[in-house]
N, C-alpha and C. Protein backbone atom coordinates (compact mmCIF):
# COMPACT_ATOMS: atom_id res chain seq x y z
N UNK A 1 -20.26 8.67 48.45
CA UNK A 1 -19.69 7.63 47.60
C UNK A 1 -19.19 6.49 48.46
N UNK A 2 -19.95 5.45 48.54
CA UNK A 2 -19.53 4.36 49.40
C UNK A 2 -18.62 3.35 48.70
N UNK A 3 -18.25 3.57 47.44
CA UNK A 3 -17.31 2.68 46.78
C UNK A 3 -15.92 3.32 46.64
N UNK A 4 -15.73 4.45 47.28
CA UNK A 4 -14.46 5.17 47.20
C UNK A 4 -13.50 4.68 48.29
N UNK A 5 -12.24 4.53 47.91
CA UNK A 5 -11.17 4.20 48.86
C UNK A 5 -10.29 5.43 49.00
N UNK A 6 -10.04 5.82 50.24
CA UNK A 6 -9.16 6.96 50.50
C UNK A 6 -7.92 6.47 51.25
N UNK A 7 -6.76 6.88 50.75
CA UNK A 7 -5.48 6.45 51.32
C UNK A 7 -4.64 7.68 51.63
N UNK A 8 -4.06 7.67 52.82
CA UNK A 8 -3.15 8.75 53.22
C UNK A 8 -1.76 8.15 53.41
N UNK A 9 -0.76 8.78 52.81
CA UNK A 9 0.63 8.36 52.89
C UNK A 9 1.40 9.31 53.80
N UNK A 10 2.23 8.75 54.69
CA UNK A 10 3.13 9.54 55.53
C UNK A 10 4.56 9.10 55.23
N UNK A 11 5.40 10.05 54.95
CA UNK A 11 6.81 9.74 54.69
C UNK A 11 7.66 10.97 54.94
N UNK A 12 8.88 10.89 54.50
CA UNK A 12 9.80 12.02 54.58
C UNK A 12 10.23 12.36 53.15
N UNK A 13 10.51 13.64 52.93
CA UNK A 13 10.95 14.08 51.62
C UNK A 13 12.12 13.25 51.14
N UNK A 14 12.05 12.74 49.92
CA UNK A 14 13.12 11.95 49.35
C UNK A 14 12.91 10.45 49.45
N UNK A 15 11.88 10.01 50.17
CA UNK A 15 11.62 8.57 50.32
C UNK A 15 10.67 8.02 49.26
N UNK A 16 10.06 8.90 48.50
CA UNK A 16 9.21 8.45 47.41
C UNK A 16 7.74 8.25 47.73
N UNK A 17 7.24 8.77 48.84
CA UNK A 17 5.82 8.60 49.16
C UNK A 17 4.95 9.28 48.11
N UNK A 18 5.32 10.48 47.70
CA UNK A 18 4.56 11.19 46.67
C UNK A 18 4.58 10.40 45.36
N UNK A 19 5.73 9.90 44.97
CA UNK A 19 5.85 9.12 43.74
C UNK A 19 5.02 7.85 43.81
N UNK A 20 5.07 7.16 44.95
CA UNK A 20 4.27 5.94 45.11
C UNK A 20 2.78 6.26 45.00
N UNK A 21 2.36 7.37 45.58
CA UNK A 21 0.96 7.79 45.49
C UNK A 21 0.57 8.02 44.03
N UNK A 22 1.45 8.63 43.27
CA UNK A 22 1.18 8.88 41.85
C UNK A 22 1.15 7.58 41.05
N UNK A 23 2.07 6.66 41.36
CA UNK A 23 2.09 5.37 40.67
C UNK A 23 0.82 4.57 40.97
N UNK A 24 0.35 4.64 42.21
CA UNK A 24 -0.90 3.95 42.57
C UNK A 24 -2.06 4.55 41.78
N UNK A 25 -2.08 5.87 41.66
CA UNK A 25 -3.14 6.53 40.89
C UNK A 25 -3.10 6.10 39.43
N UNK A 26 -1.90 6.02 38.86
CA UNK A 26 -1.76 5.57 37.47
C UNK A 26 -2.29 4.16 37.29
N UNK A 27 -1.93 3.27 38.21
CA UNK A 27 -2.37 1.87 38.12
C UNK A 27 -3.89 1.78 38.26
N UNK A 28 -4.47 2.54 39.18
CA UNK A 28 -5.92 2.53 39.37
C UNK A 28 -6.62 3.09 38.13
N UNK A 29 -6.07 4.16 37.57
CA UNK A 29 -6.63 4.75 36.35
C UNK A 29 -6.62 3.75 35.20
N UNK A 30 -5.51 3.04 35.05
CA UNK A 30 -5.38 2.06 33.98
C UNK A 30 -6.37 0.89 34.16
N UNK A 31 -6.82 0.68 35.39
CA UNK A 31 -7.81 -0.39 35.62
C UNK A 31 -9.25 0.14 35.53
N UNK A 32 -9.40 1.39 35.07
CA UNK A 32 -10.73 1.94 34.83
C UNK A 32 -11.33 2.73 35.97
N UNK A 33 -10.54 3.05 36.98
CA UNK A 33 -11.04 3.79 38.13
C UNK A 33 -10.87 5.31 37.93
N UNK A 34 -11.64 6.06 38.68
CA UNK A 34 -11.43 7.50 38.79
C UNK A 34 -10.45 7.70 39.93
N UNK A 35 -9.55 8.64 39.78
CA UNK A 35 -8.47 8.76 40.77
C UNK A 35 -8.16 10.23 41.10
N UNK A 36 -7.57 10.38 42.27
CA UNK A 36 -6.92 11.63 42.67
C UNK A 36 -5.63 11.25 43.38
N UNK A 37 -4.59 12.05 43.15
CA UNK A 37 -3.31 11.86 43.83
C UNK A 37 -2.71 13.24 44.01
N UNK A 38 -2.40 13.58 45.27
CA UNK A 38 -1.83 14.90 45.51
C UNK A 38 -1.03 14.90 46.81
N UNK A 39 0.05 15.70 46.85
CA UNK A 39 0.88 15.77 48.06
C UNK A 39 0.53 16.98 48.90
N UNK A 40 1.04 16.97 50.13
CA UNK A 40 0.97 18.13 51.01
C UNK A 40 2.28 18.15 51.79
N UNK A 41 2.98 19.25 51.71
CA UNK A 41 4.20 19.37 52.48
C UNK A 41 4.51 20.83 52.74
N UNK A 42 5.35 21.05 53.74
CA UNK A 42 5.77 22.40 54.08
C UNK A 42 7.02 22.74 53.29
N UNK A 43 8.04 23.23 53.97
CA UNK A 43 9.27 23.56 53.26
C UNK A 43 9.82 22.33 52.55
N UNK A 44 10.01 22.45 51.25
CA UNK A 44 10.45 21.30 50.46
C UNK A 44 11.92 21.01 50.71
N UNK A 45 12.17 20.09 51.62
CA UNK A 45 13.56 19.70 51.87
C UNK A 45 13.59 18.21 52.18
N UNK A 46 14.68 17.62 51.82
CA UNK A 46 14.86 16.20 52.05
C UNK A 46 14.79 15.89 53.54
N UNK A 47 14.03 14.89 53.90
CA UNK A 47 13.91 14.48 55.29
C UNK A 47 12.75 15.09 56.03
N UNK A 48 12.12 16.13 55.50
CA UNK A 48 10.98 16.76 56.17
C UNK A 48 9.74 15.88 56.00
N UNK A 49 8.87 15.83 57.02
CA UNK A 49 7.64 15.02 56.89
C UNK A 49 6.77 15.53 55.74
N UNK A 50 6.23 14.59 54.98
CA UNK A 50 5.30 14.92 53.90
C UNK A 50 4.09 14.00 54.02
N UNK A 51 3.01 14.43 53.42
CA UNK A 51 1.80 13.64 53.35
C UNK A 51 1.34 13.63 51.90
N UNK A 52 0.90 12.49 51.44
CA UNK A 52 0.34 12.39 50.09
C UNK A 52 -0.99 11.64 50.21
N UNK A 53 -1.83 11.82 49.20
CA UNK A 53 -3.18 11.28 49.28
C UNK A 53 -3.59 10.61 47.97
N UNK A 54 -4.46 9.60 48.11
CA UNK A 54 -5.11 8.96 46.96
C UNK A 54 -6.60 8.82 47.24
N UNK A 55 -7.38 9.11 46.23
CA UNK A 55 -8.79 8.73 46.20
C UNK A 55 -8.97 7.85 44.98
N UNK A 56 -9.61 6.71 45.17
CA UNK A 56 -9.82 5.76 44.08
C UNK A 56 -11.29 5.36 44.13
N UNK A 57 -11.98 5.51 42.99
CA UNK A 57 -13.43 5.29 42.99
C UNK A 57 -13.90 4.76 41.64
N UNK A 58 -15.05 4.12 41.65
CA UNK A 58 -15.69 3.69 40.41
C UNK A 58 -16.48 4.82 39.77
N UNK A 59 -16.68 5.91 40.53
CA UNK A 59 -17.45 7.05 40.05
C UNK A 59 -16.59 8.30 40.14
N UNK A 60 -16.92 9.28 39.34
CA UNK A 60 -16.22 10.56 39.39
C UNK A 60 -16.34 11.15 40.80
N UNK A 61 -15.25 11.67 41.30
CA UNK A 61 -15.21 12.22 42.66
C UNK A 61 -15.16 13.74 42.61
N UNK A 62 -16.09 14.37 43.30
CA UNK A 62 -16.12 15.84 43.31
C UNK A 62 -15.52 16.43 44.58
N UNK A 63 -14.97 15.60 45.43
CA UNK A 63 -14.33 16.08 46.67
C UNK A 63 -12.93 16.57 46.32
N UNK A 64 -12.58 17.75 46.76
CA UNK A 64 -11.25 18.31 46.49
C UNK A 64 -10.69 18.89 47.78
N UNK A 65 -10.32 18.00 48.69
CA UNK A 65 -9.74 18.41 49.96
C UNK A 65 -8.77 17.33 50.41
N UNK A 66 -8.03 17.62 51.46
CA UNK A 66 -7.19 16.59 52.06
C UNK A 66 -8.10 15.46 52.55
N UNK A 67 -7.48 14.36 52.91
CA UNK A 67 -8.25 13.22 53.41
C UNK A 67 -8.12 13.18 54.93
N UNK A 68 -9.24 13.36 55.60
CA UNK A 68 -9.23 13.44 57.06
C UNK A 68 -9.68 12.15 57.73
N UNK A 69 -10.39 11.30 57.00
CA UNK A 69 -10.85 10.02 57.54
C UNK A 69 -10.52 8.92 56.53
N UNK A 70 -9.24 8.58 56.42
CA UNK A 70 -8.84 7.60 55.41
C UNK A 70 -9.28 6.19 55.75
N UNK A 71 -9.40 5.39 54.69
CA UNK A 71 -9.65 3.96 54.86
C UNK A 71 -8.34 3.25 55.19
N UNK A 72 -7.25 3.77 54.61
CA UNK A 72 -5.93 3.16 54.79
C UNK A 72 -4.89 4.25 54.99
N UNK A 73 -3.88 3.92 55.77
CA UNK A 73 -2.73 4.79 55.96
C UNK A 73 -1.48 3.99 55.65
N UNK A 74 -0.55 4.61 54.94
CA UNK A 74 0.75 4.01 54.63
C UNK A 74 1.81 4.85 55.32
N UNK A 75 2.66 4.22 56.12
CA UNK A 75 3.74 4.92 56.81
C UNK A 75 5.06 4.42 56.24
N UNK A 76 5.71 5.27 55.44
CA UNK A 76 6.94 4.90 54.76
C UNK A 76 8.14 4.96 55.70
N UNK A 77 8.05 5.78 56.75
CA UNK A 77 9.15 5.94 57.70
C UNK A 77 8.61 5.78 59.12
N UNK A 78 8.95 4.67 59.77
CA UNK A 78 8.37 4.38 61.08
C UNK A 78 8.75 5.40 62.15
N UNK A 79 9.81 6.20 61.96
CA UNK A 79 10.15 7.22 62.96
C UNK A 79 9.04 8.27 63.08
N UNK A 80 8.19 8.38 62.07
CA UNK A 80 7.08 9.33 62.12
C UNK A 80 6.03 8.92 63.15
N UNK A 81 6.01 7.66 63.55
CA UNK A 81 5.04 7.20 64.53
C UNK A 81 5.18 7.95 65.85
N UNK A 82 6.37 8.42 66.15
CA UNK A 82 6.61 9.12 67.42
C UNK A 82 6.33 10.61 67.34
N UNK A 83 6.26 11.18 66.12
CA UNK A 83 6.10 12.63 66.01
C UNK A 83 4.84 13.07 65.27
N UNK A 84 4.21 12.18 64.53
CA UNK A 84 3.03 12.53 63.73
C UNK A 84 1.89 11.58 64.12
N UNK A 85 0.69 12.11 64.27
CA UNK A 85 -0.47 11.26 64.58
C UNK A 85 -0.95 10.63 63.28
N UNK A 86 -0.26 9.57 62.86
CA UNK A 86 -0.55 8.94 61.57
C UNK A 86 -1.91 8.26 61.54
N UNK A 87 -2.48 7.95 62.69
CA UNK A 87 -3.78 7.29 62.73
C UNK A 87 -4.94 8.27 62.88
N UNK A 88 -4.67 9.56 62.87
CA UNK A 88 -5.75 10.55 63.02
C UNK A 88 -6.83 10.30 61.98
N UNK A 89 -8.04 10.06 62.44
CA UNK A 89 -9.18 9.86 61.55
C UNK A 89 -9.24 8.52 60.85
N UNK A 90 -8.24 7.67 61.03
CA UNK A 90 -8.20 6.38 60.33
C UNK A 90 -9.38 5.51 60.78
N UNK A 91 -10.15 5.04 59.81
CA UNK A 91 -11.32 4.24 60.11
C UNK A 91 -10.92 2.91 60.74
N UNK A 92 -11.64 2.52 61.78
CA UNK A 92 -11.34 1.28 62.49
C UNK A 92 -11.42 0.07 61.58
N UNK A 93 -12.32 0.11 60.60
CA UNK A 93 -12.45 -1.02 59.68
C UNK A 93 -11.42 -0.97 58.55
N UNK A 94 -10.59 0.04 58.55
CA UNK A 94 -9.51 0.16 57.57
C UNK A 94 -8.26 -0.55 58.06
N UNK A 95 -7.10 0.01 57.70
CA UNK A 95 -5.84 -0.60 58.13
C UNK A 95 -4.71 0.40 57.95
N UNK A 96 -3.64 0.15 58.68
CA UNK A 96 -2.41 0.92 58.53
C UNK A 96 -1.31 -0.05 58.11
N UNK A 97 -0.46 0.39 57.18
CA UNK A 97 0.66 -0.41 56.68
C UNK A 97 1.93 0.37 57.00
N UNK A 98 2.82 -0.25 57.79
CA UNK A 98 4.01 0.44 58.30
C UNK A 98 5.27 -0.24 57.80
N UNK A 99 6.20 0.57 57.30
CA UNK A 99 7.51 0.09 56.91
C UNK A 99 8.33 -0.12 58.18
N UNK A 100 8.50 -1.38 58.58
CA UNK A 100 9.24 -1.68 59.80
C UNK A 100 9.69 -3.13 59.79
N UNK A 101 10.83 -3.37 60.42
CA UNK A 101 11.27 -4.75 60.62
C UNK A 101 10.66 -5.33 61.89
N UNK A 102 10.01 -4.48 62.67
CA UNK A 102 9.38 -4.93 63.92
C UNK A 102 7.96 -5.44 63.66
N UNK A 103 7.49 -6.36 64.49
CA UNK A 103 6.11 -6.86 64.31
C UNK A 103 5.09 -5.81 64.77
N UNK A 104 3.88 -5.97 64.28
CA UNK A 104 2.80 -5.04 64.59
C UNK A 104 2.56 -4.92 66.10
N UNK A 105 2.76 -6.00 66.84
CA UNK A 105 2.53 -5.96 68.28
C UNK A 105 3.46 -4.96 68.97
N UNK A 106 4.66 -4.78 68.47
CA UNK A 106 5.59 -3.80 69.04
C UNK A 106 5.22 -2.37 68.65
N UNK A 107 4.60 -2.20 67.51
CA UNK A 107 4.28 -0.85 67.01
C UNK A 107 2.94 -0.34 67.50
N UNK A 108 2.03 -1.24 67.84
CA UNK A 108 0.68 -0.82 68.23
C UNK A 108 0.66 0.21 69.36
N UNK A 109 1.54 0.12 70.40
CA UNK A 109 1.52 1.15 71.44
C UNK A 109 1.83 2.57 70.93
N UNK A 110 2.45 2.68 69.76
CA UNK A 110 2.76 3.99 69.19
C UNK A 110 1.61 4.55 68.35
N UNK A 111 0.52 3.81 68.23
CA UNK A 111 -0.57 4.18 67.33
C UNK A 111 -1.72 4.89 68.02
N UNK A 112 -1.49 5.44 69.19
CA UNK A 112 -2.43 6.32 69.89
C UNK A 112 -3.83 5.72 70.03
N UNK A 113 -3.88 4.43 70.38
CA UNK A 113 -5.15 3.77 70.65
C UNK A 113 -5.87 3.22 69.43
N UNK A 114 -5.27 3.29 68.26
CA UNK A 114 -5.93 2.75 67.06
C UNK A 114 -6.19 1.26 67.24
N UNK A 115 -7.44 0.84 66.99
CA UNK A 115 -7.85 -0.54 67.25
C UNK A 115 -8.00 -1.38 66.00
N UNK A 116 -7.77 -0.81 64.82
CA UNK A 116 -7.95 -1.54 63.57
C UNK A 116 -6.76 -2.41 63.23
N UNK A 117 -6.76 -2.89 62.00
CA UNK A 117 -5.71 -3.80 61.53
C UNK A 117 -4.39 -3.05 61.31
N UNK A 118 -3.30 -3.71 61.67
CA UNK A 118 -1.96 -3.15 61.52
C UNK A 118 -1.12 -4.15 60.73
N UNK A 119 -0.57 -3.69 59.61
CA UNK A 119 0.30 -4.51 58.77
C UNK A 119 1.70 -3.93 58.80
N UNK A 120 2.69 -4.80 58.69
CA UNK A 120 4.08 -4.35 58.61
C UNK A 120 4.76 -5.03 57.43
N UNK A 121 5.79 -4.36 56.97
CA UNK A 121 6.63 -4.90 55.90
C UNK A 121 8.00 -4.24 56.02
N UNK A 122 9.04 -5.02 55.86
CA UNK A 122 10.40 -4.47 55.91
C UNK A 122 10.77 -4.02 54.49
N UNK A 123 10.28 -2.85 54.12
CA UNK A 123 10.48 -2.33 52.76
C UNK A 123 11.95 -2.03 52.48
N UNK A 124 12.68 -1.62 53.51
CA UNK A 124 14.10 -1.34 53.32
C UNK A 124 14.87 -2.59 52.94
N UNK A 125 14.59 -3.67 53.63
CA UNK A 125 15.27 -4.94 53.35
C UNK A 125 14.96 -5.43 51.93
N UNK A 126 13.71 -5.33 51.55
CA UNK A 126 13.30 -5.78 50.22
C UNK A 126 13.95 -4.93 49.13
N UNK A 127 13.94 -3.61 49.32
CA UNK A 127 14.54 -2.74 48.29
C UNK A 127 16.05 -2.93 48.20
N UNK A 128 16.71 -3.11 49.33
CA UNK A 128 18.16 -3.34 49.29
C UNK A 128 18.48 -4.66 48.58
N UNK A 129 17.65 -5.66 48.81
CA UNK A 129 17.86 -6.97 48.19
C UNK A 129 17.74 -6.89 46.66
N UNK A 130 16.73 -6.17 46.18
CA UNK A 130 16.45 -6.18 44.74
C UNK A 130 17.01 -4.97 44.00
N UNK A 131 17.24 -3.85 44.71
CA UNK A 131 17.70 -2.63 44.04
C UNK A 131 19.09 -2.19 44.50
N UNK A 132 19.57 -2.82 45.56
CA UNK A 132 20.90 -2.48 46.05
C UNK A 132 20.97 -1.19 46.84
N UNK A 133 19.81 -0.60 47.15
CA UNK A 133 19.78 0.66 47.90
C UNK A 133 18.42 0.78 48.61
N UNK A 134 18.32 1.78 49.48
CA UNK A 134 17.10 1.99 50.27
C UNK A 134 16.10 2.83 49.47
N UNK A 135 15.14 2.16 48.83
CA UNK A 135 14.04 2.80 48.12
C UNK A 135 12.74 2.18 48.62
N UNK A 136 12.23 2.64 49.77
CA UNK A 136 11.07 1.97 50.38
C UNK A 136 9.76 2.16 49.65
N UNK A 137 9.67 3.13 48.76
CA UNK A 137 8.38 3.42 48.14
C UNK A 137 7.85 2.28 47.27
N UNK A 138 8.73 1.58 46.56
CA UNK A 138 8.25 0.50 45.68
C UNK A 138 7.62 -0.63 46.49
N UNK A 139 8.28 -1.15 47.53
CA UNK A 139 7.61 -2.19 48.33
C UNK A 139 6.36 -1.68 49.05
N UNK A 140 6.36 -0.43 49.49
CA UNK A 140 5.18 0.10 50.18
C UNK A 140 4.00 0.23 49.23
N UNK A 141 4.26 0.59 47.99
CA UNK A 141 3.22 0.66 46.97
C UNK A 141 2.55 -0.71 46.80
N UNK A 142 3.37 -1.74 46.65
CA UNK A 142 2.82 -3.10 46.49
C UNK A 142 2.07 -3.54 47.74
N UNK A 143 2.59 -3.18 48.91
CA UNK A 143 1.95 -3.59 50.16
C UNK A 143 0.55 -2.99 50.29
N UNK A 144 0.38 -1.71 49.95
CA UNK A 144 -0.95 -1.11 50.09
C UNK A 144 -1.91 -1.67 49.05
N UNK A 145 -1.42 -2.01 47.88
CA UNK A 145 -2.29 -2.65 46.89
C UNK A 145 -2.75 -4.01 47.41
N UNK A 146 -1.84 -4.75 48.00
CA UNK A 146 -2.18 -6.08 48.54
C UNK A 146 -3.19 -5.98 49.70
N UNK A 147 -2.99 -5.02 50.58
CA UNK A 147 -3.86 -4.88 51.75
C UNK A 147 -5.23 -4.30 51.37
N UNK A 148 -5.24 -3.27 50.55
CA UNK A 148 -6.49 -2.56 50.24
C UNK A 148 -7.29 -3.21 49.12
N UNK A 149 -6.62 -3.98 48.27
CA UNK A 149 -7.28 -4.58 47.09
C UNK A 149 -7.89 -3.51 46.19
N UNK A 150 -7.30 -2.31 46.18
CA UNK A 150 -7.84 -1.21 45.39
C UNK A 150 -7.61 -1.40 43.89
N UNK A 151 -6.65 -2.25 43.55
CA UNK A 151 -6.37 -2.62 42.16
C UNK A 151 -6.12 -4.13 42.16
N UNK A 152 -6.63 -4.81 41.15
CA UNK A 152 -6.43 -6.26 41.04
C UNK A 152 -4.93 -6.53 40.84
N UNK A 153 -4.41 -7.53 41.55
CA UNK A 153 -2.98 -7.81 41.62
C UNK A 153 -2.33 -7.97 40.24
N UNK A 154 -2.87 -8.81 39.40
CA UNK A 154 -2.25 -9.06 38.09
C UNK A 154 -2.27 -7.81 37.22
N UNK A 155 -3.37 -7.08 37.24
CA UNK A 155 -3.46 -5.83 36.46
C UNK A 155 -2.44 -4.81 36.99
N UNK A 156 -2.30 -4.75 38.30
CA UNK A 156 -1.34 -3.84 38.92
C UNK A 156 0.08 -4.17 38.47
N UNK A 157 0.47 -5.44 38.57
CA UNK A 157 1.83 -5.84 38.20
C UNK A 157 2.09 -5.59 36.71
N UNK A 158 1.11 -5.84 35.88
CA UNK A 158 1.28 -5.61 34.45
C UNK A 158 1.44 -4.11 34.17
N UNK A 159 0.60 -3.30 34.79
CA UNK A 159 0.69 -1.85 34.59
C UNK A 159 2.02 -1.30 35.09
N UNK A 160 2.48 -1.81 36.22
CA UNK A 160 3.76 -1.33 36.76
C UNK A 160 4.91 -1.73 35.86
N UNK A 161 4.85 -2.89 35.26
CA UNK A 161 5.91 -3.28 34.32
C UNK A 161 5.96 -2.31 33.14
N UNK A 162 4.79 -1.99 32.60
CA UNK A 162 4.73 -1.02 31.49
C UNK A 162 5.27 0.34 31.93
N UNK A 163 4.84 0.77 33.10
CA UNK A 163 5.29 2.06 33.64
C UNK A 163 6.80 2.09 33.85
N UNK A 164 7.36 1.05 34.46
CA UNK A 164 8.80 1.01 34.72
C UNK A 164 9.60 0.92 33.43
N UNK A 165 9.10 0.17 32.45
CA UNK A 165 9.83 0.06 31.17
C UNK A 165 9.88 1.42 30.47
N UNK A 166 8.82 2.21 30.63
CA UNK A 166 8.81 3.56 30.06
C UNK A 166 9.72 4.50 30.87
N UNK A 167 9.52 4.49 32.18
CA UNK A 167 10.26 5.39 33.06
C UNK A 167 11.77 5.13 33.02
N UNK A 168 12.14 3.86 32.96
CA UNK A 168 13.56 3.48 32.99
C UNK A 168 14.04 2.99 31.62
N UNK A 169 13.55 3.61 30.57
CA UNK A 169 13.93 3.18 29.21
C UNK A 169 15.44 3.23 29.00
N UNK A 170 16.11 4.18 29.62
CA UNK A 170 17.56 4.31 29.46
C UNK A 170 18.33 3.54 30.53
N UNK A 171 17.60 2.92 31.48
CA UNK A 171 18.22 2.09 32.51
C UNK A 171 17.41 0.80 32.68
N UNK A 172 17.32 -0.01 31.63
CA UNK A 172 16.45 -1.20 31.70
C UNK A 172 16.87 -2.20 32.78
N UNK A 173 18.09 -2.12 33.26
CA UNK A 173 18.56 -3.05 34.28
C UNK A 173 17.81 -2.88 35.61
N UNK A 174 17.20 -1.73 35.85
CA UNK A 174 16.49 -1.52 37.12
C UNK A 174 15.03 -1.99 37.07
N UNK A 175 14.53 -2.27 35.87
CA UNK A 175 13.13 -2.69 35.74
C UNK A 175 12.88 -3.99 36.49
N UNK A 176 13.71 -4.99 36.25
CA UNK A 176 13.51 -6.28 36.89
C UNK A 176 13.59 -6.18 38.41
N UNK A 177 14.53 -5.39 38.93
CA UNK A 177 14.65 -5.21 40.37
C UNK A 177 13.39 -4.61 40.97
N UNK A 178 12.83 -3.60 40.31
CA UNK A 178 11.60 -2.98 40.80
C UNK A 178 10.44 -3.96 40.75
N UNK A 179 10.34 -4.74 39.69
CA UNK A 179 9.25 -5.72 39.59
C UNK A 179 9.40 -6.80 40.66
N UNK A 180 10.64 -7.20 40.94
CA UNK A 180 10.88 -8.18 42.01
C UNK A 180 10.51 -7.61 43.37
N UNK A 181 10.79 -6.31 43.58
CA UNK A 181 10.38 -5.65 44.83
C UNK A 181 8.87 -5.72 45.00
N UNK A 182 8.15 -5.41 43.95
CA UNK A 182 6.69 -5.43 44.02
C UNK A 182 6.17 -6.82 44.37
N UNK A 183 6.67 -7.82 43.65
CA UNK A 183 6.19 -9.19 43.85
C UNK A 183 6.49 -9.67 45.26
N UNK A 184 7.72 -9.45 45.75
CA UNK A 184 8.07 -9.90 47.09
C UNK A 184 7.27 -9.17 48.16
N UNK A 185 7.09 -7.87 47.98
CA UNK A 185 6.34 -7.08 48.97
C UNK A 185 4.91 -7.59 49.11
N UNK A 186 4.29 -7.95 47.99
CA UNK A 186 2.92 -8.45 48.05
C UNK A 186 2.83 -9.75 48.84
N UNK A 187 3.90 -10.51 48.84
CA UNK A 187 3.95 -11.76 49.61
C UNK A 187 4.35 -11.53 51.07
N UNK A 188 5.16 -10.52 51.32
CA UNK A 188 5.76 -10.34 52.65
C UNK A 188 4.96 -9.45 53.61
N UNK A 189 4.05 -8.63 53.11
CA UNK A 189 3.29 -7.77 54.00
C UNK A 189 2.46 -8.67 54.93
N UNK A 190 2.53 -8.38 56.24
CA UNK A 190 1.83 -9.27 57.18
C UNK A 190 1.12 -8.48 58.27
N UNK A 191 0.04 -9.07 58.75
CA UNK A 191 -0.78 -8.44 59.78
C UNK A 191 -0.26 -8.82 61.14
């Protein structure tokens, strides 16, 4: 399947990487794509490294395994760069998106020789600005959509608004903050 996009997420328990992976799958599904979203983790505890995966395709996908050669990697917690080989199998023509206030040039030496595109975004700063707390998954979700183009921007933002209005029906005050996080992240992610 040469029209399939595979994305691998690296984060820590409690940071929302699994949730972001599921939200991306929902948005892709709503745009007419076939999707897969699934996590992989060891002992379920806050702070432990976790991995989540997305497959997004125009055709039904019969592959049911982890993703070993992703097109894109999302790193929700930059401390994982020192302990996890986040670029393992990452295609050179793909890209990695890292939550960091540091520029890509400072992070590249931690990427074990990866020669492809490196994007950064300060997801913590964006989430604190719009949500008042550290929720990096929302900006990281928008950043990977912007970089990968796996879902059309306007359709993605519309679907996320519908999703947030449903999810936060009893807390409508957080909907606007989440939507602002998405919009700013799409503008702020940089190579």
